[in-house]
Amino acid sequence: MADRTFSVTRAREDDVPTIVALLRDDVLGAGRESDDLSPYRAAFAAIDADAAQFLATVRNEDGEVVATMQLTLIPGLSRAAALRLQIEAVRVARSERGTGLGTAIFHWAIEYGRERGAKLVQLTTDAQRPDARRFYESLGFVASHVGMKLALD
């Protein structure tokens, strides 16, 4: 990857099908993502309108989207009113996995948070993804909390 160039850009509405394809190209995503793009387009509009959100696309030299992640800045009162950076929906194209791109985009995201005053970077990972957990731990993330979810379907 040392001789390759990637750029991180704010996602555009026309990136939505590619982002959804990245979300779907995953053992868990294959079963939970929809073929109907209309809810994703509506969600994109809400994300794009919110200044605290940065839906990132990572483009290769040819301008193709090869990775994505959603960054959210969360102000809070705990931890001495620390601003947090939440990282979610990280996906790297199958063709780029194992190249170091994931590590590079995480370093970029951490710096993005630091430049905006974040004092903490947090993420969740599905318990069914042990490889992802090992990857996050290799970057210095610590499994310090137990995450819980309640589906409202």
C-alpha atoms as a PDB file:
ATOM      1  CA  MET A   1       0.000   0.000   0.000  1.00  0.00           C
ATOM      2  CA  ALA A   2       3.004   2.295   0.404  1.00  0.00           C
ATOM      3  CA  ASP A   3       2.989   3.247  -3.269  1.00  0.00           C
ATOM      4  CA  ARG A   4      -0.780   3.728  -3.492  1.00  0.00           C
ATOM      5  CA  THR A   5      -2.820   6.862  -2.914  1.00  0.00           C
ATOM      6  CA  PHE A   6      -6.245   7.034  -1.310  1.00  0.00           C
ATOM      7  CA  SER A   7      -8.408  10.010  -0.486  1.00  0.00           C
ATOM      8  CA  VAL A   8     -11.020  10.390   2.221  1.00  0.00           C
ATOM      9  CA  THR A   9     -14.017  12.433   1.139  1.00  0.00           C
ATOM     10  CA  ARG A  10     -17.477  13.225   2.443  1.00  0.00           C
ATOM     11  CA  ALA A  11     -19.906  10.763   0.879  1.00  0.00           C
ATOM     12  CA  ARG A  12     -22.197  12.036  -1.842  1.00  0.00           C
ATOM     13  CA  GLU A  13     -25.759  10.922  -2.518  1.00  0.00           C
ATOM     14  CA  ASP A  14     -24.616   9.040  -5.605  1.00  0.00           C
ATOM     15  CA  ASP A  15     -22.232   6.998  -3.385  1.00  0.00           C
ATOM     16  CA  VAL A  16     -25.158   5.425  -1.508  1.00  0.00           C
ATOM     17  CA  PRO A  17     -25.473   2.297  -3.727  1.00  0.00           C
ATOM     18  CA  THR A  18     -21.735   1.596  -3.395  1.00  0.00           C
ATOM     19  CA  ILE A  19     -21.782   2.140   0.371  1.00  0.00           C
ATOM     20  CA  VAL A  20     -24.752  -0.212   0.724  1.00  0.00           C
ATOM     21  CA  ALA A  21     -22.907  -2.788  -1.407  1.00  0.00           C
ATOM     22  CA  LEU A  22     -19.952  -2.552   1.000  1.00  0.00           C
ATOM     23  CA  LEU A  23     -22.309  -3.000   3.966  1.00  0.00           C
ATOM     24  CA  ARG A  24     -23.869  -6.015   2.248  1.00  0.00           C
ATOM     25  CA  ASP A  25     -20.491  -7.643   1.416  1.00  0.00           C
ATOM     26  CA  ASP A  26     -20.196  -8.995   4.913  1.00  0.00           C
ATOM     27  CA  VAL A  27     -21.402 -12.139   6.679  1.00  0.00           C
ATOM     28  CA  LEU A  28     -23.742 -10.193   8.952  1.00  0.00           C
ATOM     29  CA  GLY A  29     -24.612  -7.444   6.480  1.00  0.00           C
ATOM     30  CA  ALA A  30     -25.665  -9.914   3.799  1.00  0.00           C
ATOM     31  CA  GLY A  31     -28.600 -10.918   5.973  1.00  0.00           C
ATOM     32  CA  ARG A  32     -29.641  -7.566   7.341  1.00  0.00           C
ATOM     33  CA  GLU A  33     -29.178  -5.037   4.530  1.00  0.00           C
ATOM     34  CA  SER A  34     -31.988  -4.427   2.039  1.00  0.00           C
ATOM     35  CA  ASP A  35     -32.069  -4.240  -1.757  1.00  0.00           C
ATOM     36  CA  ASP A  36     -34.423  -1.240  -1.482  1.00  0.00           C
ATOM     37  CA  LEU A  37     -32.200   1.853  -1.567  1.00  0.00           C
ATOM     38  CA  SER A  38     -34.925   4.339  -0.591  1.00  0.00           C
ATOM     39  CA  PRO A  39     -34.411   4.052   3.203  1.00  0.00           C
ATOM     40  CA  TYR A  40     -30.652   4.385   2.716  1.00  0.00           C
ATOM     41  CA  ARG A  41     -31.137   7.519   0.606  1.00  0.00           C
ATOM     42  CA  ALA A  42     -33.369   9.020   3.326  1.00  0.00           C
ATOM     43  CA  ALA A  43     -30.800   8.125   5.996  1.00  0.00           C
ATOM     44  CA  PHE A  44     -28.048   9.631   3.868  1.00  0.00           C
ATOM     45  CA  ALA A  45     -29.977  12.916   3.628  1.00  0.00           C
ATOM     46  CA  ALA A  46     -30.326  13.046   7.435  1.00  0.00           C
ATOM     47  CA  ILE A  47     -26.645  12.195   7.983  1.00  0.00           C
ATOM     48  CA  ASP A  48     -25.484  14.699   5.392  1.00  0.00           C
ATOM     49  CA  ALA A  49     -27.598  17.479   6.944  1.00  0.00           C
ATOM     50  CA  ASP A  50     -26.149  16.919  10.442  1.00  0.00           C
ATOM     51  CA  ALA A  51     -22.906  18.822  11.087  1.00  0.00           C
ATOM     52  CA  ALA A  52     -21.918  16.289  13.776  1.00  0.00           C
ATOM     53  CA  GLN A  53     -21.854  13.497  11.169  1.00  0.00           C
ATOM     54  CA  PHE A  54     -19.182  12.663   8.618  1.00  0.00           C
ATOM     55  CA  LEU A  55     -20.014   9.742   6.359  1.00  0.00           C
ATOM     56  CA  ALA A  56     -16.617   9.029   4.867  1.00  0.00           C
ATOM     57  CA  THR A  57     -15.802   7.403   1.577  1.00  0.00           C
ATOM     58  CA  VAL A  58     -12.282   6.259   0.847  1.00  0.00           C
ATOM     59  CA  ARG A  59     -11.431   6.416  -2.848  1.00  0.00           C
ATOM     60  CA  ASN A  60      -8.574   4.749  -4.669  1.00  0.00           C
ATOM     61  CA  GLU A  61      -6.479   6.307  -7.441  1.00  0.00           C
ATOM     62  CA  ASP A  62      -9.286   5.649  -9.938  1.00  0.00           C
ATOM     63  CA  GLY A  63     -11.875   7.432  -7.767  1.00  0.00           C
ATOM     64  CA  GLU A  64     -13.627   4.186  -6.819  1.00  0.00           C
ATOM     65  CA  VAL A  65     -15.052   3.909  -3.312  1.00  0.00           C
ATOM     66  CA  VAL A  66     -13.123   1.128  -1.574  1.00  0.00           C
ATOM     67  CA  ALA A  67     -14.004   1.816   2.071  1.00  0.00           C
ATOM     68  CA  THR A  68     -16.459   3.704   4.251  1.00  0.00           C
ATOM     69  CA  MET A  69     -17.039   4.649   7.868  1.00  0.00           C
ATOM     70  CA  GLN A  70     -19.425   6.914   9.709  1.00  0.00           C
ATOM     71  CA  LEU A  71     -17.946   9.360  12.209  1.00  0.00           C
ATOM     72  CA  THR A  72     -20.100  11.114  14.787  1.00  0.00           C
ATOM     73  CA  LEU A  73     -18.969  13.814  17.198  1.00  0.00           C
ATOM     74  CA  ILE A  74     -20.894  13.485  20.459  1.00  0.00           C
ATOM     75  CA  PRO A  75     -20.765  16.230  23.081  1.00  0.00           C
ATOM     76  CA  GLY A  76     -21.373  15.062  26.608  1.00  0.00           C
ATOM     77  CA  LEU A  77     -21.164  16.001  30.243  1.00  0.00           C
ATOM     78  CA  SER A  78     -19.312  12.932  31.524  1.00  0.00           C
ATOM     79  CA  ARG A  79     -15.522  12.719  31.556  1.00  0.00           C
ATOM     80  CA  ALA A  80     -15.283  16.445  32.291  1.00  0.00           C
ATOM     81  CA  ALA A  81     -17.562  17.327  29.356  1.00  0.00           C
ATOM     82  CA  ALA A  82     -15.425  15.399  26.885  1.00  0.00           C
ATOM     83  CA  LEU A  83     -16.284  15.400  23.204  1.00  0.00           C
ATOM     84  CA  ARG A  84     -16.354  11.840  21.852  1.00  0.00           C
ATOM     85  CA  LEU A  85     -15.782  10.514  18.381  1.00  0.00           C
ATOM     86  CA  GLN A  86     -17.971   7.508  17.585  1.00  0.00           C
ATOM     87  CA  ILE A  87     -16.834   5.317  14.668  1.00  0.00           C
ATOM     88  CA  GLU A  88     -19.450   3.057  13.104  1.00  0.00           C
ATOM     89  CA  ALA A  89     -20.264   1.115   9.928  1.00  0.00           C
ATOM     90  CA  VAL A  90     -16.656   0.521   8.939  1.00  0.00           C
ATOM     91  CA  ARG A  91     -16.282  -1.489   5.754  1.00  0.00           C
ATOM     92  CA  VAL A  92     -13.323  -2.089   3.470  1.00  0.00           C
ATOM     93  CA  ALA A  93     -13.813  -3.587   0.021  1.00  0.00           C
ATOM     94  CA  ARG A  94     -12.841  -7.238  -0.216  1.00  0.00           C
ATOM     95  CA  SER A  95     -10.145  -6.311  -2.770  1.00  0.00           C
ATOM     96  CA  GLU A  96      -8.443  -4.014  -0.228  1.00  0.00           C
ATOM     97  CA  ARG A  97      -8.646  -6.162   2.906  1.00  0.00           C
ATOM     98  CA  GLY A  98      -5.267  -7.090   4.341  1.00  0.00           C
ATOM     99  CA  THR A  99      -3.459  -4.250   2.540  1.00  0.00           C
ATOM    100  CA  GLY A 100      -3.155  -1.888   5.506  1.00  0.00           C
ATOM    101  CA  LEU A 101      -5.935   0.383   4.284  1.00  0.00           C
ATOM    102  CA  GLY A 102      -8.070  -0.300   7.380  1.00  0.00           C
ATOM    103  CA  THR A 103      -5.230   0.755   9.664  1.00  0.00           C
ATOM    104  CA  ALA A 104      -4.592   3.864   7.587  1.00  0.00           C
ATOM    105  CA  ILE A 105      -8.220   5.005   7.646  1.00  0.00           C
ATOM    106  CA  PHE A 106      -8.436   4.460  11.396  1.00  0.00           C
ATOM    107  CA  HIS A 107      -5.356   6.615  11.922  1.00  0.00           C
ATOM    108  CA  TRP A 108      -7.017   9.232   9.707  1.00  0.00           C
ATOM    109  CA  ALA A 109     -10.287   9.007  11.696  1.00  0.00           C
ATOM    110  CA  ILE A 110      -8.514   9.304  15.042  1.00  0.00           C
ATOM    111  CA  GLU A 111      -6.717  12.423  13.811  1.00  0.00           C
ATOM    112  CA  TYR A 112     -10.045  13.776  12.502  1.00  0.00           C
ATOM    113  CA  GLY A 113     -11.432  13.481  16.041  1.00  0.00           C
ATOM    114  CA  ARG A 114      -8.333  14.932  17.676  1.00  0.00           C
ATOM    115  CA  GLU A 115      -8.387  17.972  15.354  1.00  0.00           C
ATOM    116  CA  ARG A 116     -11.988  18.654  16.406  1.00  0.00           C
ATOM    117  CA  GLY A 117     -11.262  18.395  20.115  1.00  0.00           C
ATOM    118  CA  ALA A 118     -12.387  14.833  20.829  1.00  0.00           C
ATOM    119  CA  LYS A 119     -10.922  13.396  24.012  1.00  0.00           C
ATOM    120  CA  LEU A 120     -12.147   9.844  23.426  1.00  0.00           C
ATOM    121  CA  VAL A 121     -12.707   7.620  20.391  1.00  0.00           C
ATOM    122  CA  GLN A 122     -15.233   4.842  20.773  1.00  0.00           C
ATOM    123  CA  LEU A 123     -16.774   2.167  18.614  1.00  0.00           C
ATOM    124  CA  THR A 124     -18.827  -0.959  18.866  1.00  0.00           C
ATOM    125  CA  THR A 125     -18.173  -4.235  17.131  1.00  0.00           C
ATOM    126  CA  ASP A 126     -20.505  -7.176  16.841  1.00  0.00           C
ATOM    127  CA  ALA A 127     -19.603 -10.038  19.181  1.00  0.00           C
ATOM    128  CA  GLN A 128     -19.739 -12.318  16.137  1.00  0.00           C
ATOM    129  CA  ARG A 129     -16.712 -10.541  14.616  1.00  0.00           C
ATOM    130  CA  PRO A 130     -13.655 -11.759  16.546  1.00  0.00           C
ATOM    131  CA  ASP A 131     -11.290 -10.708  13.723  1.00  0.00           C
ATOM    132  CA  ALA A 132     -12.632  -7.151  13.874  1.00  0.00           C
ATOM    133  CA  ARG A 133     -12.135  -7.096  17.637  1.00  0.00           C
ATOM    134  CA  ARG A 134      -8.519  -8.239  17.253  1.00  0.00           C
ATOM    135  CA  PHE A 135      -7.992  -5.537  14.621  1.00  0.00           C
ATOM    136  CA  TYR A 136      -9.380  -2.796  16.891  1.00  0.00           C
ATOM    137  CA  GLU A 137      -7.284  -4.042  19.797  1.00  0.00           C
ATOM    138  CA  SER A 138      -4.170  -3.911  17.567  1.00  0.00           C
ATOM    139  CA  LEU A 139      -4.928  -0.199  17.106  1.00  0.00           C
ATOM    140  CA  GLY A 140      -5.037   0.344  20.873  1.00  0.00           C
ATOM    141  CA  PHE A 141      -8.786   0.120  21.492  1.00  0.00           C
ATOM    142  CA  VAL A 142      -9.705  -1.534  24.797  1.00  0.00           C
ATOM    143  CA  ALA A 143     -12.886  -3.519  25.430  1.00  0.00           C
ATOM    144  CA  SER A 144     -13.695  -1.473  28.528  1.00  0.00           C
ATOM    145  CA  HIS A 145     -17.502  -1.628  28.428  1.00  0.00           C
ATOM    146  CA  VAL A 146     -20.245  -4.090  27.593  1.00  0.00           C
ATOM    147  CA  GLY A 147     -22.425  -2.819  24.779  1.00  0.00           C
ATOM    148  CA  MET A 148     -26.108  -3.654  24.630  1.00  0.00           C
ATOM    149  CA  LYS A 149     -28.778  -3.092  21.987  1.00  0.00           C
ATOM    150  CA  LEU A 150     -32.547  -3.268  21.928  1.00  0.00           C
ATOM    151  CA  ALA A 151     -34.152  -3.728  18.518  1.00  0.00           C
ATOM    152  CA  LEU A 152     -37.279  -1.596  18.136  1.00  0.00           C
ATOM    153  CA  ASP A 153     -38.780  -3.425  15.146  1.00  0.00           C
END
